[in-house]
Amino acid sequence: MYKFLKKTQRGGWMSLGGILLCITGSEAMFADLGHFSQLSIKIAFTSVVYPSLILAYMGQAAYLSRHHLIESDYQIGFYVSVPEKLRWPVLVIAILAAVVGSQAIITGTFSIIKQCSALGCFPRVKIVHTSSKIHGQIYIPEINWILMLLCLAVTIGFRDTNRLGNASGLAVITVMLVTTCLMSLVIVLCWHQSVFFAIGFIFFFGTIEALYFSASLIKFLEGGWVPIALAFIFLIVMYVWHYGTLKKYEFDVQNKISINWLLSLGPSLGIVRVRGIGIIHTELVSGIPAIFSHFVTNLPAFHQVLVFLCIKSVPVPHVKPEERFLVGHIGPREFRLYRCIVRYGYRDVHKDDLDFEKDLVCSVAESIRSGKVGINGLDDNSEKDEEKMTVVGSSSTHPEGIKMCDDDSDNAQVAGTSELKEIRSPTVVRPRKRVRFIVPESPKIDRGAREELQELMEAREAGIAYILGHSYVKAKPGSSMVKKLVINYGYDFLRRNSRGPSHALCVPHASTLEVGMNYLV
């Protein structure tokens, strides 16, 4: 390499951009980490990929060393060095290799978009998990279509493999240079090695990569500008979404209702409590969301039983039914305020609204009967709040727990226990669906828990209403022009054209109430 650069000088340095294309594509197999283990990729690269690349380039170099004096109209390339009888089979293999390489890039893009979306750095997209065993096997329809359109646009726009090669080379060497810089941070922060070792790492590998990077920059106007332009566009999208999401979360935290203020209102909360169960969807696992105060301030009436529901997706394929619900009290028992966190795995199928309502009510009732409902929200420390939450499974996982029975007639009889007749709703004049809790004979429950179950059952008979918050994020008056553009137009456009929370797609529309609220950030 030294002799080559010494002999060719500037011409050899400029040719480094083309030499870089020899390694582009081989690194794409590492994007398959979501489908294969690290050991399998190491074995495949060491025993198959690397020897194949070396043999192919050695064969091509041997051909060029023998046939370097040729006619000017004869194109030198890889396929020229292949014997004519094997040229078509090799072409088929090359096409299949291109398909495999593009599939690896697509898979890597899906993985990066999913991680960015989980970190709040990219708009929400539909993520389809294609495997129950391997978490990384995912499919994102929107990103797949965008990749297809970009590939067609670049191919039709360039119509030249040289420009495509320049774009690919600059993208790959830039990724390598950035990876080297980030690797130095890993050496210091994660591996706790010496700073001088990290500097030596950057100096050794960074010098080589900087040499290739400088050679690729010469081709910037000949196709190299495409990956830089695409990266700049995605950078703007990610920054706008992350900035807007961060400001929205800060508004939620700053305007969260104080538990002490809620307790000072008394059991009625200073509003009219009407019959029924109100389920308020929130992303907060502790505290009272601002949307609740906004609602009761403008309409001072709410349901007799309130459940603050938080649906969380956890990075495991399935959550056991007996570990799905976490239930806790907010304030004293007479307030009839509950918090319920429902956990789903990424391969779990969300139940329909009727089954979910039954499991939700039964989980609250079972926690009341067992006397394990913790008081959630009395402390600002989320860790303590989390410890006071009680894990309660669905009704199907408690064969000896509370069962809920819906009767369409007043004369329906269910074989129950000695406490069954005590925990049932009073007779009403008009025909309506009766709800009854089948309570085990042991252990015995106290009078307060029995009254709480009675009120929960009456509220379930009256019906369940879902309250969803819909936020309109706007910049504060007096904000800078850049902030107004980012929040009022950029973030608003991304929010309106991205997917909403997953729980909004599962609630029954007939009993859903959407509460709008302006967020001035």
Protein backbone atom coordinates (compact mmCIF):
# COMPACT_ATOMS: atom_id res chain seq x y z
CA MET A 1 0.00 0.00 0.00
CA TYR A 2 2.84 2.37 0.85
CA LYS A 3 4.63 1.63 -2.44
CA PHE A 4 1.37 2.11 -4.35
CA LEU A 5 0.71 5.53 -2.82
CA LYS A 6 4.38 6.57 -3.18
CA LYS A 7 4.40 5.69 -6.86
CA THR A 8 1.00 7.03 -7.86
CA GLN A 9 0.86 9.95 -5.36
CA ARG A 10 -2.19 12.14 -6.09
CA GLY A 11 -3.69 9.69 -8.56
CA GLY A 12 -3.40 6.85 -6.05
CA TRP A 13 -4.95 8.96 -3.32
CA MET A 14 -7.91 9.82 -5.57
CA SER A 15 -8.33 6.13 -6.42
CA LEU A 16 -8.90 5.29 -2.76
CA GLY A 17 -12.56 6.22 -3.21
CA GLY A 18 -12.87 3.40 -5.75
CA ILE A 19 -10.81 1.00 -3.64
CA LEU A 20 -13.24 1.68 -0.81
CA LEU A 21 -16.00 0.02 -2.85
CA CYS A 22 -14.20 -3.32 -2.38
CA ILE A 23 -15.36 -3.48 1.24
CA THR A 24 -18.80 -1.90 0.86
CA GLY A 25 -21.43 -4.57 1.22
CA SER A 26 -19.40 -7.00 3.32
CA GLU A 27 -20.26 -5.04 6.48
CA ALA A 28 -23.98 -5.32 5.70
CA MET A 29 -24.10 -8.82 7.16
CA PHE A 30 -23.64 -7.33 10.62
CA ALA A 31 -27.03 -5.67 10.21
CA ASP A 32 -28.48 -9.19 10.53
CA LEU A 33 -27.81 -9.22 14.27
CA GLY A 34 -31.56 -9.14 14.76
CA HIS A 35 -31.92 -12.45 12.91
CA PHE A 36 -28.72 -14.29 13.86
CA SER A 37 -26.44 -14.50 16.87
CA GLN A 38 -23.02 -12.86 17.08
CA LEU A 39 -21.26 -16.24 17.05
CA SER A 40 -22.99 -17.38 13.86
CA ILE A 41 -22.04 -14.13 12.08
CA LYS A 42 -18.41 -14.47 13.23
CA ILE A 43 -18.24 -18.06 11.95
CA ALA A 44 -19.90 -17.16 8.63
CA PHE A 45 -17.64 -14.15 8.05
CA THR A 46 -14.43 -15.98 8.97
CA SER A 47 -15.10 -19.24 7.13
CA VAL A 48 -17.17 -18.13 4.10
CA VAL A 49 -17.41 -14.39 3.43
CA TYR A 50 -13.81 -13.30 3.99
CA PRO A 51 -12.16 -16.19 2.05
CA SER A 52 -14.59 -15.66 -0.83
CA LEU A 53 -13.79 -11.94 -1.02
CA ILE A 54 -10.05 -12.55 -0.92
CA LEU A 55 -10.20 -15.24 -3.63
CA ALA A 56 -12.39 -13.06 -5.87
CA TYR A 57 -10.12 -10.02 -5.63
CA MET A 58 -6.96 -12.11 -5.95
CA GLY A 59 -8.33 -13.67 -9.12
CA GLN A 60 -9.24 -10.28 -10.55
CA ALA A 61 -5.81 -8.87 -9.63
CA ALA A 62 -4.10 -11.85 -11.27
CA TYR A 63 -6.08 -11.30 -14.46
CA LEU A 64 -5.22 -7.59 -14.56
CA SER A 65 -1.52 -8.30 -13.96
CA ARG A 66 -1.50 -10.61 -17.00
CA HIS A 67 -3.76 -8.50 -19.26
CA HIS A 68 -2.81 -4.94 -18.36
CA LEU A 69 -1.78 -4.16 -21.94
CA ILE A 70 -5.11 -4.34 -23.77
CA GLU A 71 -7.04 -2.44 -26.40
CA SER A 72 -8.43 0.91 -25.37
CA ASP A 73 -12.01 -0.05 -26.27
CA TYR A 74 -11.97 -3.05 -23.96
CA GLN A 75 -13.59 -2.52 -20.54
CA ILE A 76 -11.72 -3.87 -17.54
CA GLY A 77 -14.06 -5.22 -14.87
CA PHE A 78 -14.85 -8.14 -12.64
CA TYR A 79 -16.82 -10.06 -15.26
CA VAL A 80 -13.97 -9.77 -17.77
CA SER A 81 -11.81 -11.87 -15.46
CA VAL A 82 -14.45 -14.59 -15.24
CA PRO A 83 -14.25 -17.34 -17.89
CA GLU A 84 -16.94 -16.92 -20.52
CA LYS A 85 -18.62 -20.25 -19.69
CA LEU A 86 -19.05 -19.24 -16.06
CA ARG A 87 -20.04 -15.62 -16.70
CA TRP A 88 -23.82 -16.11 -16.61
CA PRO A 89 -23.84 -18.32 -13.48
CA VAL A 90 -21.62 -15.77 -11.74
CA LEU A 91 -24.02 -13.00 -12.80
CA VAL A 92 -26.93 -14.89 -11.23
CA ILE A 93 -24.95 -15.34 -8.01
CA ALA A 94 -24.08 -11.63 -8.00
CA ILE A 95 -27.76 -10.68 -8.35
CA LEU A 96 -28.69 -12.99 -5.49
CA ALA A 97 -25.88 -11.50 -3.40
CA ALA A 98 -27.24 -8.01 -4.10
CA VAL A 99 -30.66 -9.16 -2.89
CA VAL A 100 -29.15 -10.57 0.33
CA GLY A 101 -27.14 -7.39 0.89
CA SER A 102 -30.17 -5.14 0.40
CA GLN A 103 -32.19 -7.33 2.76
CA ALA A 104 -29.55 -6.84 5.43
CA ILE A 105 -29.68 -3.07 4.95
CA ILE A 106 -33.49 -3.11 5.16
CA THR A 107 -33.37 -5.19 8.36
CA GLY A 108 -30.79 -2.84 9.87
CA THR A 109 -32.95 0.17 8.98
CA PHE A 110 -35.98 -1.42 10.68
CA SER A 111 -33.95 -2.05 13.83
CA ILE A 112 -32.58 1.51 13.98
CA ILE A 113 -36.00 3.08 13.38
CA LYS A 114 -37.55 0.93 16.13
CA GLN A 115 -34.87 1.92 18.63
CA CYS A 116 -35.18 5.60 17.71
CA SER A 117 -38.96 5.43 18.06
CA ALA A 118 -38.64 3.78 21.48
CA LEU A 119 -36.31 6.59 22.58
CA GLY A 120 -38.74 9.25 21.37
CA CYS A 121 -36.43 10.34 18.56
CA PHE A 122 -38.58 9.27 15.61
CA PRO A 123 -42.33 9.48 14.87
CA ARG A 124 -44.41 6.44 15.81
CA VAL A 125 -44.71 3.86 13.04
CA LYS A 126 -46.41 0.50 12.74
CA ILE A 127 -44.07 -2.27 13.92
CA VAL A 128 -44.96 -5.86 13.03
CA HIS A 129 -43.08 -8.56 14.94
CA THR A 130 -42.64 -11.58 12.70
CA SER A 131 -41.18 -13.94 15.30
CA SER A 132 -42.30 -15.09 18.73
CA LYS A 133 -38.78 -16.13 19.71
CA ILE A 134 -36.43 -13.48 18.31
CA HIS A 135 -37.18 -9.89 19.31
CA GLY A 136 -35.24 -8.33 16.45
CA GLN A 137 -37.26 -9.82 13.61
CA ILE A 138 -39.58 -6.94 12.76
CA TYR A 139 -41.23 -5.36 9.75
CA ILE A 140 -42.18 -1.69 9.36
CA PRO A 141 -44.45 -1.11 6.32
CA GLU A 142 -43.99 2.68 6.13
CA ILE A 143 -40.19 2.49 6.19
CA ASN A 144 -40.23 -0.33 3.63
CA TRP A 145 -42.20 1.83 1.18
CA ILE A 146 -39.94 4.84 1.80
CA LEU A 147 -36.85 2.74 1.09
CA MET A 148 -38.38 1.47 -2.14
CA LEU A 149 -39.25 4.96 -3.34
CA LEU A 150 -35.79 6.28 -2.45
CA CYS A 151 -34.08 3.40 -4.28
CA LEU A 152 -36.17 4.03 -7.40
CA ALA A 153 -35.56 7.78 -7.22
CA VAL A 154 -31.78 7.41 -6.89
CA THR A 155 -31.57 4.77 -9.63
CA ILE A 156 -33.72 6.72 -12.08
CA GLY A 157 -32.06 10.02 -11.19
CA PHE A 158 -28.45 8.86 -11.57
CA ARG A 159 -28.67 6.16 -14.27
CA ASP A 160 -24.96 5.67 -13.68
CA THR A 161 -23.26 3.02 -11.57
CA ASN A 162 -20.25 5.30 -10.98
CA ARG A 163 -22.38 7.90 -9.20
CA LEU A 164 -24.17 5.19 -7.23
CA GLY A 165 -20.75 3.87 -6.19
CA ASN A 166 -19.62 7.31 -5.09
CA ALA A 167 -22.75 7.75 -2.97
CA SER A 168 -22.35 4.30 -1.42
CA GLY A 169 -18.65 4.79 -0.71
CA LEU A 170 -19.09 8.12 1.04
CA ALA A 171 -21.95 6.74 3.15
CA VAL A 172 -19.97 3.67 4.24
CA ILE A 173 -16.75 5.48 5.14
CA THR A 174 -18.70 8.15 7.05
CA VAL A 175 -20.41 5.42 9.09
CA MET A 176 -17.01 3.84 9.80
CA LEU A 177 -15.51 7.16 10.89
CA VAL A 178 -18.44 7.95 13.18
CA THR A 179 -18.34 4.41 14.61
CA THR A 180 -14.65 4.81 15.44
CA CYS A 181 -15.32 8.07 17.29
CA LEU A 182 -18.21 6.52 19.24
CA MET A 183 -16.07 3.46 19.97
CA SER A 184 -13.62 5.67 21.80
CA LEU A 185 -16.44 6.75 24.11
CA VAL A 186 -17.31 3.11 24.74
CA ILE A 187 -13.67 2.39 25.64
CA VAL A 188 -13.65 5.16 28.27
CA LEU A 189 -17.22 5.14 29.61
CA CYS A 190 -18.23 1.47 29.32
CA TRP A 191 -14.97 -0.46 29.44
CA HIS A 192 -13.37 2.04 31.88
CA GLN A 193 -10.07 1.99 30.02
CA SER A 194 -7.47 4.74 29.89
CA VAL A 195 -8.14 7.90 27.92
CA PHE A 196 -4.75 7.49 26.24
CA PHE A 197 -5.82 4.06 25.01
CA ALA A 198 -8.95 5.60 23.45
CA ILE A 199 -6.86 8.37 21.84
CA GLY A 200 -4.48 5.76 20.43
CA PHE A 201 -7.45 3.82 19.06
CA ILE A 202 -8.80 6.91 17.29
CA PHE A 203 -5.36 7.86 15.99
CA PHE A 204 -4.63 4.44 14.49
CA PHE A 205 -8.00 3.60 12.92
CA GLY A 206 -9.17 7.18 12.45
CA THR A 207 -6.09 8.09 10.37
CA ILE A 208 -6.76 5.28 7.90
CA GLU A 209 -10.47 6.08 7.69
CA ALA A 210 -9.83 9.82 7.38
CA LEU A 211 -7.58 9.08 4.39
CA TYR A 212 -10.38 7.20 2.64
CA PHE A 213 -12.92 9.81 3.74
CA SER A 214 -10.91 12.65 2.21
CA ALA A 215 -10.64 10.72 -1.06
CA SER A 216 -14.42 10.12 -1.10
CA LEU A 217 -15.14 13.83 -0.56
CA ILE A 218 -13.65 14.57 -3.97
CA LYS A 219 -16.61 12.73 -5.49
CA PHE A 220 -19.10 14.81 -3.46
CA LEU A 221 -20.59 16.57 -6.51
CA GLU A 222 -20.59 13.33 -8.50
CA GLY A 223 -23.16 11.50 -6.39
CA GLY A 224 -21.63 11.73 -2.92
CA TRP A 225 -24.06 14.48 -1.90
CA VAL A 226 -27.05 12.10 -1.88
CA PRO A 227 -26.40 10.30 1.45
CA ILE A 228 -25.44 13.60 3.09
CA ALA A 229 -28.69 15.21 1.92
CA LEU A 230 -30.79 12.24 3.08
CA ALA A 231 -29.01 12.21 6.44
CA PHE A 232 -29.69 15.94 6.85
CA ILE A 233 -33.42 15.46 6.12
CA PHE A 234 -33.75 12.62 8.63
CA LEU A 235 -31.76 14.62 11.16
CA ILE A 236 -34.27 17.47 10.93
CA VAL A 237 -37.23 15.08 11.28
CA MET A 238 -35.70 13.35 14.31
CA TYR A 239 -34.73 16.61 15.98
CA VAL A 240 -38.18 18.17 15.53
CA TRP A 241 -39.97 15.07 16.85
CA HIS A 242 -37.64 14.65 19.83
CA TYR A 243 -37.81 18.33 20.73
CA GLY A 244 -41.62 18.38 20.57
CA THR A 245 -41.95 15.13 22.53
CA LEU A 246 -39.57 16.39 25.21
CA LYS A 247 -41.45 19.66 25.62
CA LYS A 248 -44.76 17.79 25.83
CA TYR A 249 -43.42 15.47 28.53
CA GLU A 250 -42.02 18.41 30.50
CA PHE A 251 -45.45 20.06 30.36
CA ASP A 252 -47.08 16.85 31.66
CA VAL A 253 -44.64 16.60 34.56
CA GLN A 254 -44.85 20.27 35.50
CA ASN A 255 -48.65 20.31 35.39
CA LYS A 256 -49.18 16.97 37.11
CA ILE A 257 -51.82 17.23 39.83
CA SER A 258 -50.53 17.06 43.37
CA ILE A 259 -51.84 14.14 45.41
CA ASN A 260 -52.08 16.37 48.48
CA TRP A 261 -54.33 18.76 46.57
CA LEU A 262 -56.49 15.83 45.52
CA LEU A 263 -56.77 14.57 49.09
CA SER A 264 -57.78 18.02 50.32
CA LEU A 265 -60.91 17.89 48.15
CA GLY A 266 -62.40 15.01 50.14
CA PRO A 267 -63.95 11.76 48.87
CA SER A 268 -66.21 13.56 46.37
CA LEU A 269 -63.20 15.41 44.89
CA GLY A 270 -65.31 18.56 44.91
CA ILE A 271 -67.31 17.36 41.90
CA VAL A 272 -70.50 15.43 41.24
CA ARG A 273 -69.84 11.68 41.13
CA VAL A 274 -72.20 9.98 38.69
CA ARG A 275 -72.81 6.25 38.28
CA GLY A 276 -70.39 4.27 36.18
CA ILE A 277 -66.68 3.56 35.73
CA GLY A 278 -64.44 6.13 34.10
CA ILE A 279 -61.21 4.78 32.59
CA ILE A 280 -58.69 7.53 31.92
CA HIS A 281 -55.85 6.57 29.61
CA THR A 282 -52.53 8.09 30.58
CA GLU A 283 -48.85 7.54 29.83
CA LEU A 284 -47.84 8.42 33.41
CA VAL A 285 -47.20 5.51 35.77
CA SER A 286 -47.43 7.83 38.79
CA GLY A 287 -49.32 11.01 39.58
CA ILE A 288 -52.54 12.43 38.14
CA PRO A 289 -52.37 13.68 34.53
CA ALA A 290 -53.20 17.29 33.75
CA ILE A 291 -55.97 16.20 31.40
CA PHE A 292 -58.03 15.11 34.44
CA SER A 293 -57.97 18.54 36.06
CA HIS A 294 -58.71 20.12 32.69
CA PHE A 295 -61.81 17.95 32.34
CA VAL A 296 -63.25 18.41 35.83
CA THR A 297 -62.53 22.15 35.75
CA ASN A 298 -64.70 22.63 32.69
CA LEU A 299 -67.23 19.91 33.53
CA PRO A 300 -67.34 19.35 37.32
CA ALA A 301 -68.74 15.81 37.21
CA PHE A 302 -67.13 12.42 36.94
CA HIS A 303 -67.83 8.74 37.47
CA GLN A 304 -68.15 7.19 40.90
CA VAL A 305 -65.21 4.87 40.18
CA LEU A 306 -62.12 6.21 38.42
CA VAL A 307 -59.37 4.04 37.00
CA PHE A 308 -56.19 5.64 35.62
CA LEU A 309 -55.13 3.11 33.01
CA CYS A 310 -51.58 2.91 31.67
CA ILE A 311 -50.79 0.40 28.92
CA LYS A 312 -47.12 -0.47 28.56
CA SER A 313 -45.30 -2.62 26.01
CA VAL A 314 -42.38 -4.56 27.46
CA PRO A 315 -39.46 -6.03 25.45
CA VAL A 316 -40.46 -9.68 25.87
CA PRO A 317 -42.55 -11.82 23.49
CA HIS A 318 -45.35 -12.60 25.95
CA VAL A 319 -46.42 -11.47 29.40
CA LYS A 320 -47.95 -14.18 31.57
CA PRO A 321 -51.66 -13.54 32.21
CA GLU A 322 -51.07 -13.77 35.97
CA GLU A 323 -48.56 -10.92 35.73
CA ARG A 324 -50.41 -8.66 33.31
CA PHE A 325 -52.18 -6.24 35.70
CA LEU A 326 -50.66 -4.01 38.39
CA VAL A 327 -53.32 -2.39 40.58
CA GLY A 328 -53.01 0.29 43.25
CA HIS A 329 -55.18 2.74 45.18
CA ILE A 330 -54.78 6.48 44.75
CA GLY A 331 -55.58 8.01 48.10
CA PRO A 332 -57.87 6.42 50.71
CA ARG A 333 -60.38 3.71 49.82
CA GLU A 334 -63.41 6.00 49.99
CA PHE A 335 -62.06 8.05 47.10
CA ARG A 336 -62.62 5.07 44.74
CA LEU A 337 -59.55 6.04 42.69
CA TYR A 338 -57.41 3.27 41.24
CA ARG A 339 -54.34 3.03 39.08
CA CYS A 340 -53.95 0.05 36.78
CA ILE A 341 -50.87 -0.68 34.67
CA VAL A 342 -51.43 -3.28 31.97
CA ARG A 343 -48.34 -4.89 30.44
CA TYR A 344 -48.24 -6.52 27.02
CA GLY A 345 -45.41 -8.30 25.25
CA TYR A 346 -44.57 -7.40 21.70
CA ARG A 347 -46.21 -10.61 20.44
CA ASP A 348 -49.28 -10.48 22.71
CA VAL A 349 -52.62 -9.99 21.03
CA HIS A 350 -54.73 -7.30 22.67
CA LYS A 351 -58.15 -8.62 23.66
CA ASP A 352 -61.34 -7.03 22.40
CA ASP A 353 -63.02 -4.41 24.54
CA LEU A 354 -65.50 -6.73 26.28
CA ASP A 355 -62.92 -9.27 27.44
CA PHE A 356 -60.54 -6.49 28.43
CA GLU A 357 -63.22 -4.70 30.46
CA LYS A 358 -64.07 -7.93 32.27
CA ASP A 359 -60.43 -8.66 33.09
CA LEU A 360 -59.84 -5.08 34.21
CA VAL A 361 -62.84 -4.99 36.57
CA CYS A 362 -62.03 -8.45 37.93
CA SER A 363 -58.43 -7.49 38.61
CA VAL A 364 -59.54 -4.44 40.61
CA ALA A 365 -62.15 -6.52 42.44
CA GLU A 366 -59.63 -9.28 43.23
CA SER A 367 -57.17 -6.76 44.64
CA ILE A 368 -59.93 -5.28 46.81
CA ARG A 369 -60.97 -8.73 48.05
CA SER A 370 -57.44 -9.84 48.83
CA GLY A 371 -56.74 -6.57 50.61
CA LYS A 372 -53.47 -6.12 48.70
CA VAL A 373 -54.29 -2.85 46.98
CA GLY A 374 -51.41 -0.53 47.75
CA ILE A 375 -51.82 3.21 48.13
CA ASN A 376 -50.24 4.60 45.00
CA GLY A 377 -49.29 8.19 44.46
CA LEU A 378 -48.82 9.43 48.02
CA ASP A 379 -45.12 9.98 47.34
CA ASP A 380 -43.40 11.62 44.46
CA ASN A 381 -40.83 8.83 44.41
CA SER A 382 -41.88 6.61 41.52
CA GLU A 383 -39.87 3.69 42.85
CA LYS A 384 -41.86 3.65 46.08
CA ASP A 385 -45.07 3.99 44.10
CA GLU A 386 -44.09 1.06 41.97
CA GLU A 387 -43.43 -1.06 45.07
CA LYS A 388 -46.95 -0.33 46.32
CA MET A 389 -48.53 -1.60 43.15
CA THR A 390 -49.90 -5.15 43.41
CA VAL A 391 -49.53 -7.70 40.64
CA VAL A 392 -52.95 -9.15 39.83
CA GLY A 393 -53.56 -11.53 36.95
CA SER A 394 -56.58 -11.75 34.68
CA SER A 395 -59.74 -13.54 35.83
CA SER A 396 -58.78 -16.71 33.95
CA THR A 397 -55.60 -17.09 36.03
CA HIS A 398 -57.44 -17.07 39.39
CA PRO A 399 -59.69 -20.16 39.46
CA GLU A 400 -60.43 -19.52 43.13
CA GLY A 401 -60.68 -15.74 42.87
CA ILE A 402 -63.54 -13.40 42.09
CA LYS A 403 -65.56 -14.15 38.98
CA MET A 404 -67.85 -11.66 37.26
CA CYS A 405 -71.14 -12.82 35.78
CA ASP A 406 -73.33 -10.74 33.47
CA ASP A 407 -77.06 -11.60 33.56
CA ASP A 408 -79.54 -10.18 31.08
CA SER A 409 -82.51 -11.10 33.25
CA ASP A 410 -83.24 -10.67 36.92
CA ASN A 411 -84.07 -14.33 37.44
CA ALA A 412 -80.76 -15.75 36.31
CA GLN A 413 -79.21 -17.97 38.97
CA VAL A 414 -75.58 -18.82 39.38
CA ALA A 415 -74.30 -21.40 41.83
CA GLY A 416 -72.30 -19.28 44.18
CA THR A 417 -71.01 -19.17 47.70
CA SER A 418 -72.31 -17.92 50.96
CA GLU A 419 -71.17 -14.35 50.25
CA LEU A 420 -72.52 -14.22 46.71
CA LYS A 421 -75.98 -12.95 47.66
CA GLU A 422 -74.47 -10.17 49.73
CA ILE A 423 -72.34 -8.80 46.89
CA ARG A 424 -74.92 -8.13 44.24
CA SER A 425 -76.50 -5.02 42.87
CA PRO A 426 -79.90 -3.83 44.07
CA THR A 427 -83.02 -4.42 42.01
CA VAL A 428 -83.85 -1.76 39.46
CA VAL A 429 -87.14 -0.98 37.84
CA ARG A 430 -86.12 -1.00 34.19
CA PRO A 431 -84.64 -4.15 32.67
CA ARG A 432 -80.87 -3.91 32.31
CA LYS A 433 -77.79 -6.08 32.44
CA ARG A 434 -77.13 -7.41 35.94
CA VAL A 435 -73.56 -7.78 37.15
CA ARG A 436 -72.64 -10.14 39.97
CA PHE A 437 -69.36 -11.01 41.62
CA ILE A 438 -68.89 -14.63 42.63
CA VAL A 439 -66.80 -14.36 45.77
CA PRO A 440 -65.02 -17.36 47.36
CA GLU A 441 -66.07 -18.37 50.85
CA SER A 442 -62.57 -17.94 52.20
CA PRO A 443 -60.85 -15.85 53.15
CA LYS A 444 -63.56 -13.68 54.63
CA ILE A 445 -63.61 -10.05 53.60
CA ASP A 446 -64.26 -7.13 55.90
CA ARG A 447 -67.19 -4.75 55.68
CA GLY A 448 -65.22 -1.98 54.00
CA ALA A 449 -64.05 -4.26 51.21
CA ARG A 450 -67.59 -5.59 50.76
CA GLU A 451 -68.94 -2.06 50.36
CA GLU A 452 -66.17 -1.25 47.91
CA LEU A 453 -67.02 -4.34 45.84
CA GLN A 454 -70.70 -3.42 45.98
CA GLU A 455 -70.00 0.05 44.59
CA LEU A 456 -67.66 -1.31 41.93
CA MET A 457 -70.36 -3.74 40.80
CA GLU A 458 -73.01 -1.03 40.63
CA ALA A 459 -70.66 1.17 38.63
CA ARG A 460 -69.96 -1.69 36.21
CA GLU A 461 -73.70 -2.13 35.68
CA ALA A 462 -74.07 1.56 34.85
CA GLY A 463 -71.39 1.21 32.14
CA ILE A 464 -67.80 2.03 31.36
CA ALA A 465 -66.58 5.19 29.65
CA TYR A 466 -63.11 5.64 28.16
CA ILE A 467 -61.54 9.09 28.40
CA LEU A 468 -58.68 9.73 25.99
CA GLY A 469 -56.52 12.83 26.08
CA HIS A 470 -55.75 14.65 22.85
CA SER A 471 -53.04 17.27 23.17
CA TYR A 472 -52.51 20.24 20.89
CA VAL A 473 -48.93 21.37 21.36
CA LYS A 474 -48.33 25.04 20.62
CA ALA A 475 -45.41 27.36 21.26
CA LYS A 476 -45.87 29.93 24.02
CA PRO A 477 -46.61 33.52 23.05
CA GLY A 478 -43.36 35.40 22.75
CA SER A 479 -41.36 32.38 21.60
CA SER A 480 -38.76 32.76 18.90
CA MET A 481 -39.66 32.35 15.24
CA VAL A 482 -37.59 29.15 14.99
CA LYS A 483 -39.39 27.58 17.94
CA LYS A 484 -42.78 28.50 16.48
CA LEU A 485 -41.83 26.90 13.17
CA VAL A 486 -40.57 23.74 14.88
CA ILE A 487 -43.52 23.30 17.27
CA ASN A 488 -46.51 24.83 15.47
CA TYR A 489 -45.74 23.46 12.02
CA GLY A 490 -43.01 20.82 12.08
CA TYR A 491 -44.03 18.82 15.16
CA ASP A 492 -47.73 19.31 14.49
CA PHE A 493 -47.33 17.94 10.95
CA LEU A 494 -45.39 14.89 12.17
CA ARG A 495 -47.88 14.20 14.98
CA ARG A 496 -50.88 14.38 12.68
CA ASN A 497 -49.29 12.03 10.13
CA SER A 498 -47.79 9.47 12.52
CA ARG A 499 -49.54 6.65 14.31
CA GLY A 500 -51.30 7.33 17.60
CA PRO A 501 -50.85 5.32 20.81
CA SER A 502 -51.67 1.64 20.51
CA HIS A 503 -54.41 1.73 23.17
CA ALA A 504 -56.42 4.25 21.13
CA LEU A 505 -57.02 1.57 18.48
CA CYS A 506 -58.52 -0.95 20.94
CA VAL A 507 -61.15 1.04 22.83
CA PRO A 508 -64.84 0.90 21.80
CA HIS A 509 -65.75 4.05 19.91
CA ALA A 510 -69.32 4.09 21.22
CA SER A 511 -68.18 4.72 24.80
CA THR A 512 -65.10 6.85 24.11
CA LEU A 513 -64.74 10.49 25.10
CA GLU A 514 -61.80 12.45 23.75
CA VAL A 515 -60.72 15.47 25.77
CA GLY A 516 -58.67 18.09 23.95
CA MET A 517 -56.16 20.26 25.74
CA ASN A 518 -53.73 22.92 24.56
CA TYR A 519 -50.12 22.43 25.61
CA LEU A 520 -48.29 25.77 25.61
CA VAL A 521 -44.62 24.80 25.68
